[in-house]
Amino acid sequence: MTFKLGRNVVADWWRGVDRWLLVAFLTLLVGGAMLSFAASPPVAERIGLEPFHFVKRHALFLIPSCLVMFATSLLTPRGVRRAAFLILGVSVVMMVAALFIGTEIKGARRWIDLGPLNLQPSEFMKPCFVIICAWLFSEQARTPDVPGNLYAMILLLVVAALLVAQPDLGQTILVAGAWGGLFFMAGVPWLWIGVLGGLGLAGAASAYFVFPHVASRIDRFWTGEGDTFQTDRAREAIFNGGWLGQGPGEGTVKRLLPDSHTDFAFSVLAEEFGIIACMALAAIFSFIVLRGLSVALKQRDVFTRLAICGLVFIFGLQSIINMAVNLQLMPAKGMTLPFISYGGSSMLAIAMSAGFVLALTRKRPENRSYTDQLVQRTMVLHGA
């Protein structure tokens, strides 16, 4: 009986899951594992580790990431919301703890040492933050007496304050951008959008004067002066690859990149597999975002529609920022390329986010708004 029940759950999942999105996510997972063979050995050798240290650790997270993605994709929209509440609460507590007991790396306290894993709570916070904000905006739309927009603003301020305290300005911009997109899609008045947009620009400008490392990165980006070694090597690697690349394992410039396995994996892909491969990767990211938005527009439930849009928006924006930094279109910022860059916390968190997207886009008989269900129940009771 238990086996039959489990089999039915998987069968129902397979019938309803968006297979295009599933294949796209799995393609990125496999592609990231393959690229780790090219990007990480030079870094491991440079710091005195055995050549395939990061490759093995990357592979170690593949199966857990697939399991996390599958498990979260089984959830109902209500289950997604409840899971997001729980994980967001735990993540916020851990972000506060990281400020006091976290591991300091390059002047920032973003990680908590859990033995074999350095956990970055903000990675798990992002998708859950988007989902809860989508729920708050949808509650305001459904019941105007509920101050959902106000609560969403307060939540943004709390999360942004914790990220700035770490400090992590890149994640702050990413989270604020996703929140702004949801705010716009929620249909708020243009006056509010203009006011909050102005405040966001003012906050970004003030970061230049408050944080020296932010000013330094922006100055180096505009003037090209100072320590631009890593971004220059990333651009050189891209040029060195040409259209078809130097071939697997044949890259030379990648050996000079300190963060070739994390922030600059895109440049390694360009050097060894060429610009065409980079275009194909960008096309997969674009497909996920466009497919997600397309499915979201067909949803009748406001929460489901906003949550899908927010999740794919933050996924796409993070991808754009990483690729733009590699192409020297933006100042340098330590942000991973989803499923491609090395990083256990990042891979697990993005797998969870992908699972949420698959859960919310699944076709299911009960995938209707609360109002639609209430109307149908009323009609049944009255014999209509």
Protein backbone atom coordinates (compact mmCIF):
# COMPACT_ATOMS: atom_id res chain seq x y z
CA MET A 1 0.00 0.00 0.00
CA THR A 2 2.82 2.40 0.92
CA PHE A 3 4.70 1.52 -2.28
CA LYS A 4 1.58 2.06 -4.37
CA LEU A 5 0.96 5.43 -2.69
CA GLY A 6 4.58 6.50 -3.32
CA ARG A 7 4.36 5.34 -6.92
CA ASN A 8 1.15 7.31 -7.44
CA VAL A 9 2.76 10.46 -6.00
CA VAL A 10 5.70 10.18 -8.40
CA ALA A 11 3.37 9.38 -11.32
CA ASP A 12 1.19 12.40 -10.55
CA TRP A 13 4.32 14.53 -10.25
CA TRP A 14 5.62 13.33 -13.62
CA ARG A 15 2.30 13.99 -15.34
CA GLY A 16 2.06 17.51 -13.97
CA VAL A 17 5.65 18.77 -13.87
CA ASP A 18 6.81 21.25 -16.49
CA ARG A 19 9.29 19.00 -18.28
CA TRP A 20 10.85 21.85 -20.26
CA LEU A 21 11.85 23.61 -17.06
CA LEU A 22 12.96 20.33 -15.47
CA VAL A 23 15.25 19.53 -18.41
CA ALA A 24 16.68 23.07 -18.37
CA PHE A 25 17.51 22.87 -14.66
CA LEU A 26 19.07 19.41 -14.99
CA THR A 27 21.10 20.58 -17.99
CA LEU A 28 22.58 23.39 -15.90
CA LEU A 29 23.36 20.97 -13.05
CA VAL A 30 25.18 18.54 -15.34
CA GLY A 31 26.89 21.39 -17.22
CA GLY A 32 28.18 22.87 -13.97
CA ALA A 33 29.63 19.51 -12.92
CA MET A 34 31.40 19.13 -16.26
CA LEU A 35 32.77 22.66 -16.19
CA SER A 36 34.19 22.10 -12.70
CA PHE A 37 36.73 19.72 -14.26
CA ALA A 38 38.06 22.63 -16.31
CA ALA A 39 37.68 25.51 -13.86
CA SER A 40 38.70 24.21 -10.44
CA PRO A 41 41.95 22.13 -10.71
CA PRO A 42 44.20 25.19 -11.28
CA VAL A 43 42.75 26.88 -8.19
CA ALA A 44 43.22 23.75 -6.05
CA GLU A 45 46.84 23.39 -7.14
CA ARG A 46 47.54 27.05 -6.51
CA ILE A 47 46.46 26.81 -2.85
CA GLY A 48 48.19 23.48 -2.20
CA LEU A 49 45.25 21.07 -2.50
CA GLU A 50 45.06 17.97 -4.66
CA PRO A 51 43.92 18.89 -8.22
CA PHE A 52 40.39 17.47 -8.06
CA HIS A 53 39.53 18.70 -4.56
CA PHE A 54 36.85 21.16 -5.73
CA VAL A 55 35.66 18.78 -8.45
CA LYS A 56 34.92 16.11 -5.85
CA ARG A 57 33.19 18.58 -3.54
CA HIS A 58 31.11 19.91 -6.44
CA ALA A 59 30.10 16.35 -7.37
CA LEU A 60 29.34 15.61 -3.72
CA PHE A 61 26.55 18.20 -3.76
CA LEU A 62 25.00 16.99 -7.03
CA ILE A 63 22.84 14.19 -5.60
CA PRO A 64 21.67 16.21 -2.54
CA SER A 65 20.80 19.09 -4.87
CA CYS A 66 18.75 16.81 -7.12
CA LEU A 67 16.98 15.36 -4.08
CA VAL A 68 16.23 18.84 -2.72
CA MET A 69 14.88 19.95 -6.10
CA PHE A 70 12.69 16.85 -6.40
CA ALA A 71 11.42 17.03 -2.81
CA THR A 72 10.45 20.70 -3.02
CA SER A 73 8.83 20.19 -6.44
CA LEU A 74 6.35 17.77 -4.80
CA LEU A 75 4.89 20.54 -2.65
CA THR A 76 1.54 22.21 -3.21
CA PRO A 77 1.43 26.03 -3.42
CA ARG A 78 0.34 26.07 0.23
CA GLY A 79 3.22 23.75 1.09
CA VAL A 80 5.64 26.02 -0.75
CA ARG A 81 4.42 28.98 1.29
CA ARG A 82 4.72 27.13 4.60
CA ALA A 83 8.21 25.84 3.75
CA ALA A 84 9.25 29.36 2.75
CA PHE A 85 8.02 30.75 6.08
CA LEU A 86 10.02 28.19 8.03
CA ILE A 87 13.23 28.47 5.99
CA LEU A 88 13.07 32.27 5.90
CA GLY A 89 12.77 32.41 9.69
CA VAL A 90 15.71 30.04 10.20
CA SER A 91 17.79 31.89 7.58
CA VAL A 92 17.21 35.29 9.19
CA VAL A 93 18.21 33.93 12.61
CA MET A 94 21.35 32.40 11.11
CA MET A 95 22.19 35.65 9.29
CA VAL A 96 22.05 37.45 12.64
CA ALA A 97 24.22 34.72 14.20
CA ALA A 98 26.73 35.00 11.34
CA LEU A 99 27.39 38.63 12.29
CA PHE A 100 28.71 37.46 15.67
CA ILE A 101 30.02 33.92 15.25
CA GLY A 102 30.34 33.62 11.49
CA THR A 103 33.51 32.92 9.55
CA GLU A 104 35.12 36.11 8.29
CA ILE A 105 36.29 35.90 4.67
CA LYS A 106 37.70 38.95 2.87
CA GLY A 107 36.30 41.26 5.54
CA ALA A 108 32.72 39.92 5.36
CA ARG A 109 30.79 37.72 7.79
CA ARG A 110 28.36 35.78 5.61
CA TRP A 111 29.15 32.18 6.45
CA ILE A 112 28.60 29.83 9.39
CA ASP A 113 31.06 26.98 9.77
CA LEU A 114 29.24 23.65 10.04
CA GLY A 115 32.28 21.41 9.75
CA PRO A 116 32.32 19.98 6.21
CA LEU A 117 30.13 22.83 4.94
CA ASN A 118 30.47 26.58 5.15
CA LEU A 119 26.79 27.58 5.08
CA GLN A 120 25.75 30.95 3.65
CA PRO A 121 22.25 31.59 5.09
CA SER A 122 21.51 34.48 2.71
CA GLU A 123 21.49 32.04 -0.23
CA PHE A 124 18.54 30.17 1.31
CA MET A 125 16.88 33.40 2.36
CA LYS A 126 16.52 34.78 -1.18
CA PRO A 127 13.92 32.41 -2.72
CA CYS A 128 11.94 32.25 0.53
CA PHE A 129 11.95 36.04 0.82
CA VAL A 130 10.53 36.30 -2.70
CA ILE A 131 7.79 33.75 -1.98
CA ILE A 132 6.68 35.41 1.27
CA CYS A 133 6.62 38.85 -0.36
CA ALA A 134 4.55 37.40 -3.21
CA TRP A 135 2.09 36.04 -0.64
CA LEU A 136 1.91 39.40 1.18
CA PHE A 137 1.26 41.29 -2.06
CA SER A 138 -1.39 38.75 -3.10
CA GLU A 139 -3.13 39.02 0.29
CA GLN A 140 -3.33 42.80 -0.10
CA ALA A 141 -4.79 42.33 -3.60
CA ARG A 142 -7.35 39.78 -2.37
CA THR A 143 -8.24 41.57 0.87
CA PRO A 144 -7.45 45.32 0.76
CA ASP A 145 -7.88 45.57 4.54
CA VAL A 146 -4.76 43.39 5.01
CA PRO A 147 -1.64 45.65 4.98
CA GLY A 148 0.36 43.14 2.94
CA ASN A 149 2.33 45.81 1.05
CA LEU A 150 3.42 47.42 4.32
CA TYR A 151 4.56 44.10 5.79
CA ALA A 152 6.48 43.35 2.58
CA MET A 153 8.26 46.72 2.90
CA ILE A 154 9.17 45.99 6.52
CA LEU A 155 10.48 42.55 5.55
CA LEU A 156 12.61 44.12 2.81
CA LEU A 157 14.10 46.60 5.28
CA VAL A 158 14.96 43.81 7.76
CA VAL A 159 16.60 41.63 5.13
CA ALA A 160 18.44 44.55 3.50
CA ALA A 161 19.76 45.71 6.88
CA LEU A 162 21.16 42.23 7.61
CA LEU A 163 22.79 42.00 4.18
CA VAL A 164 24.35 45.47 4.47
CA ALA A 165 25.67 44.59 7.94
CA GLN A 166 27.59 41.59 6.59
CA PRO A 167 28.34 43.53 4.25
CA ASP A 168 26.96 42.07 0.99
CA LEU A 169 25.87 44.91 -1.28
CA GLY A 170 25.49 42.66 -4.32
CA GLN A 171 22.91 40.43 -2.65
CA THR A 172 21.19 43.54 -1.30
CA ILE A 173 20.78 44.90 -4.83
CA LEU A 174 19.61 41.48 -6.06
CA VAL A 175 16.98 41.11 -3.34
CA ALA A 176 15.81 44.72 -3.68
CA GLY A 177 15.56 44.31 -7.46
CA ALA A 178 13.43 41.16 -7.13
CA TRP A 179 11.25 42.89 -4.53
CA GLY A 180 10.83 45.87 -6.86
CA GLY A 181 9.77 43.59 -9.69
CA LEU A 182 7.13 41.96 -7.48
CA PHE A 183 6.00 45.37 -6.25
CA PHE A 184 5.48 46.47 -9.86
CA MET A 185 3.66 43.27 -10.84
CA ALA A 186 1.39 43.59 -7.80
CA GLY A 187 -0.17 46.62 -9.49
CA VAL A 188 0.69 49.34 -6.99
CA PRO A 189 0.27 53.01 -7.99
CA TRP A 190 3.04 54.58 -10.09
CA LEU A 191 3.62 57.20 -7.40
CA TRP A 192 4.75 54.52 -4.96
CA ILE A 193 6.97 52.95 -7.60
CA GLY A 194 8.61 56.31 -8.31
CA VAL A 195 9.15 57.11 -4.63
CA LEU A 196 10.59 53.72 -3.75
CA GLY A 197 12.67 53.65 -6.92
CA GLY A 198 14.16 57.02 -5.97
CA LEU A 199 14.93 55.77 -2.48
CA GLY A 200 16.62 52.71 -3.94
CA LEU A 201 18.83 54.84 -6.19
CA ALA A 202 19.68 57.09 -3.26
CA GLY A 203 20.66 54.04 -1.19
CA ALA A 204 22.85 52.70 -3.99
CA ALA A 205 24.55 56.08 -4.36
CA SER A 206 25.15 56.38 -0.62
CA ALA A 207 26.86 52.97 -0.63
CA TYR A 208 29.59 54.53 -2.76
CA PHE A 209 30.44 56.99 0.02
CA VAL A 210 29.88 54.66 2.99
CA PHE A 211 31.72 51.51 1.87
CA PRO A 212 35.32 52.00 0.63
CA HIS A 213 35.40 48.63 -1.18
CA VAL A 214 32.31 49.60 -3.17
CA ALA A 215 33.85 52.93 -4.16
CA SER A 216 37.09 51.15 -5.10
CA ARG A 217 35.33 48.66 -7.38
CA ILE A 218 33.26 51.34 -9.08
CA ASP A 219 36.30 53.57 -9.58
CA ARG A 220 38.31 50.70 -11.06
CA PHE A 221 35.41 49.88 -13.37
CA TRP A 222 35.09 53.45 -14.68
CA THR A 223 38.75 54.39 -14.88
CA GLY A 224 40.45 51.04 -15.43
CA GLU A 225 43.08 52.04 -12.87
CA GLY A 226 44.12 50.07 -9.80
CA ASP A 227 43.92 46.34 -9.20
CA THR A 228 41.97 45.03 -12.22
CA PHE A 229 44.01 41.83 -12.54
CA GLN A 230 41.14 39.36 -12.23
CA THR A 231 38.66 41.15 -14.50
CA ASP A 232 41.39 41.74 -17.09
CA ARG A 233 42.30 38.03 -17.07
CA ALA A 234 38.62 37.12 -17.37
CA ARG A 235 38.29 39.26 -20.47
CA GLU A 236 41.54 37.85 -21.85
CA ALA A 237 40.24 34.31 -21.34
CA ILE A 238 37.06 35.15 -23.27
CA PHE A 239 39.06 36.62 -26.16
CA ASN A 240 41.46 33.67 -26.10
CA GLY A 241 38.61 31.21 -26.56
CA GLY A 242 37.24 32.72 -29.75
CA TRP A 243 34.12 31.20 -31.24
CA LEU A 244 34.87 27.52 -30.66
CA GLY A 245 37.30 27.59 -27.71
CA GLN A 246 40.72 26.09 -27.09
CA GLY A 247 39.30 22.68 -26.19
CA PRO A 248 38.62 20.93 -22.85
CA GLY A 249 41.59 21.35 -20.51
CA GLU A 250 43.52 23.47 -23.00
CA GLY A 251 42.85 26.87 -21.48
CA THR A 252 45.89 28.80 -20.30
CA VAL A 253 44.57 32.14 -19.06
CA LYS A 254 42.23 30.35 -16.62
CA ARG A 255 45.29 29.27 -14.61
CA LEU A 256 45.85 32.89 -13.62
CA LEU A 257 42.28 33.49 -12.41
CA PRO A 258 42.06 33.22 -8.59
CA ASP A 259 38.28 32.67 -8.67
CA SER A 260 37.99 30.70 -11.92
CA HIS A 261 35.82 28.05 -10.21
CA THR A 262 33.32 30.49 -8.65
CA ASP A 263 32.77 34.06 -9.88
CA PHE A 264 34.58 33.60 -13.22
CA ALA A 265 33.48 30.13 -14.34
CA PHE A 266 31.80 31.82 -17.32
CA SER A 267 35.21 33.04 -18.56
CA VAL A 268 36.62 29.51 -18.29
CA LEU A 269 33.68 28.24 -20.34
CA ALA A 270 34.45 30.89 -22.98
CA GLU A 271 38.17 30.04 -23.16
CA GLU A 272 37.76 26.26 -23.42
CA PHE A 273 34.44 25.88 -25.24
CA GLY A 274 34.06 29.20 -27.03
CA ILE A 275 31.60 32.05 -27.39
CA ILE A 276 29.03 29.73 -28.96
CA ALA A 277 28.92 27.65 -25.77
CA CYS A 278 28.49 30.85 -23.73
CA MET A 279 25.61 31.89 -25.98
CA ALA A 280 24.02 28.47 -25.50
CA LEU A 281 24.34 28.82 -21.71
CA ALA A 282 22.82 32.31 -21.79
CA ALA A 283 20.00 30.90 -23.93
CA ILE A 284 19.21 28.27 -21.26
CA PHE A 285 19.03 30.95 -18.56
CA SER A 286 16.82 33.08 -20.81
CA PHE A 287 14.58 30.11 -21.58
CA ILE A 288 14.03 29.39 -17.87
CA VAL A 289 13.03 33.00 -17.21
CA LEU A 290 10.75 33.29 -20.26
CA ARG A 291 9.20 29.88 -19.72
CA GLY A 292 8.55 30.70 -16.08
CA LEU A 293 6.94 34.03 -16.93
CA SER A 294 4.85 32.40 -19.66
CA VAL A 295 3.49 29.75 -17.29
CA ALA A 296 2.98 32.36 -14.55
CA LEU A 297 0.75 34.47 -16.79
CA LYS A 298 -1.62 31.50 -17.16
CA GLN A 299 -2.05 31.11 -13.40
CA ARG A 300 -5.37 32.30 -12.00
CA ASP A 301 -4.13 32.45 -8.42
CA VAL A 302 -2.37 35.75 -7.67
CA PHE A 303 0.07 34.27 -5.16
CA THR A 304 1.20 31.51 -7.53
CA ARG A 305 1.62 33.97 -10.39
CA LEU A 306 3.69 36.44 -8.35
CA ALA A 307 5.80 33.73 -6.69
CA ILE A 308 6.79 32.14 -10.01
CA CYS A 309 7.64 35.55 -11.48
CA GLY A 310 9.71 36.50 -8.44
CA LEU A 311 11.65 33.23 -8.40
CA VAL A 312 12.59 33.27 -12.09
CA PHE A 313 13.30 37.00 -11.88
CA ILE A 314 15.88 36.56 -9.11
CA PHE A 315 17.32 33.54 -10.95
CA GLY A 316 17.71 35.51 -14.17
CA LEU A 317 19.01 38.67 -12.50
CA GLN A 318 21.72 36.74 -10.66
CA SER A 319 22.78 35.13 -13.94
CA ILE A 320 22.89 38.49 -15.71
CA ILE A 321 25.01 40.07 -12.98
CA ASN A 322 27.56 37.23 -13.03
CA MET A 323 27.90 37.20 -16.82
CA ALA A 324 28.04 41.00 -16.98
CA VAL A 325 30.93 41.06 -14.50
CA ASN A 326 32.80 38.48 -16.59
CA LEU A 327 32.26 40.63 -19.69
CA GLN A 328 33.33 43.79 -17.81
CA LEU A 329 29.90 45.35 -18.26
CA MET A 330 29.54 45.81 -14.49
CA PRO A 331 31.89 46.40 -11.55
CA ALA A 332 33.31 43.21 -10.03
CA LYS A 333 30.93 41.50 -7.58
CA GLY A 334 31.23 38.12 -5.93
CA MET A 335 28.06 36.44 -7.19
CA THR A 336 27.81 32.86 -8.40
CA LEU A 337 26.41 31.72 -11.73
CA PRO A 338 23.41 29.49 -10.83
CA PHE A 339 24.26 25.76 -10.92
CA ILE A 340 27.51 26.50 -12.79
CA SER A 341 29.80 28.08 -10.19
CA TYR A 342 31.31 26.06 -7.35
CA GLY A 343 29.63 26.47 -3.97
CA GLY A 344 27.67 24.02 -1.82
CA SER A 345 25.32 26.56 -0.23
CA SER A 346 24.63 28.19 -3.57
CA MET A 347 23.92 24.90 -5.34
CA LEU A 348 21.57 23.60 -2.64
CA ALA A 349 19.74 26.93 -2.36
CA ILE A 350 19.30 27.27 -6.13
CA ALA A 351 18.11 23.64 -6.29
CA MET A 352 15.52 24.51 -3.65
CA SER A 353 14.49 27.57 -5.64
CA ALA A 354 14.23 25.48 -8.82
CA GLY A 355 12.10 22.96 -6.93
CA PHE A 356 9.77 25.74 -5.81
CA VAL A 357 9.41 26.87 -9.44
CA LEU A 358 8.61 23.30 -10.54
CA ALA A 359 6.11 22.93 -7.68
CA LEU A 360 4.28 26.15 -8.51
CA THR A 361 4.20 25.50 -12.28
CA ARG A 362 2.96 21.92 -11.91
CA LYS A 363 -0.41 21.17 -13.46
CA ARG A 364 -2.78 19.92 -10.80
CA PRO A 365 -6.60 19.75 -10.51
CA GLU A 366 -6.55 21.89 -7.36
CA ASN A 367 -4.32 24.57 -8.94
CA ARG A 368 -7.04 27.21 -8.75
CA SER A 369 -7.51 30.35 -6.76
CA TYR A 370 -9.28 30.34 -3.43
CA THR A 371 -12.15 32.34 -4.94
CA ASP A 372 -12.64 29.82 -7.78
CA GLN A 373 -12.79 26.93 -5.30
CA LEU A 374 -15.27 28.80 -3.09
CA VAL A 375 -17.55 29.55 -6.05
CA GLN A 376 -17.52 25.92 -7.19
CA ARG A 377 -18.31 24.64 -3.69
CA THR A 378 -21.23 27.08 -3.45
CA MET A 379 -22.57 25.90 -6.80
CA VAL A 380 -22.36 22.27 -5.72
CA LEU A 381 -24.18 22.97 -2.44
CA HIS A 382 -27.02 24.74 -4.27
CA GLY A 383 -27.27 22.09 -6.97
CA ALA A 384 -26.18 24.44 -9.75
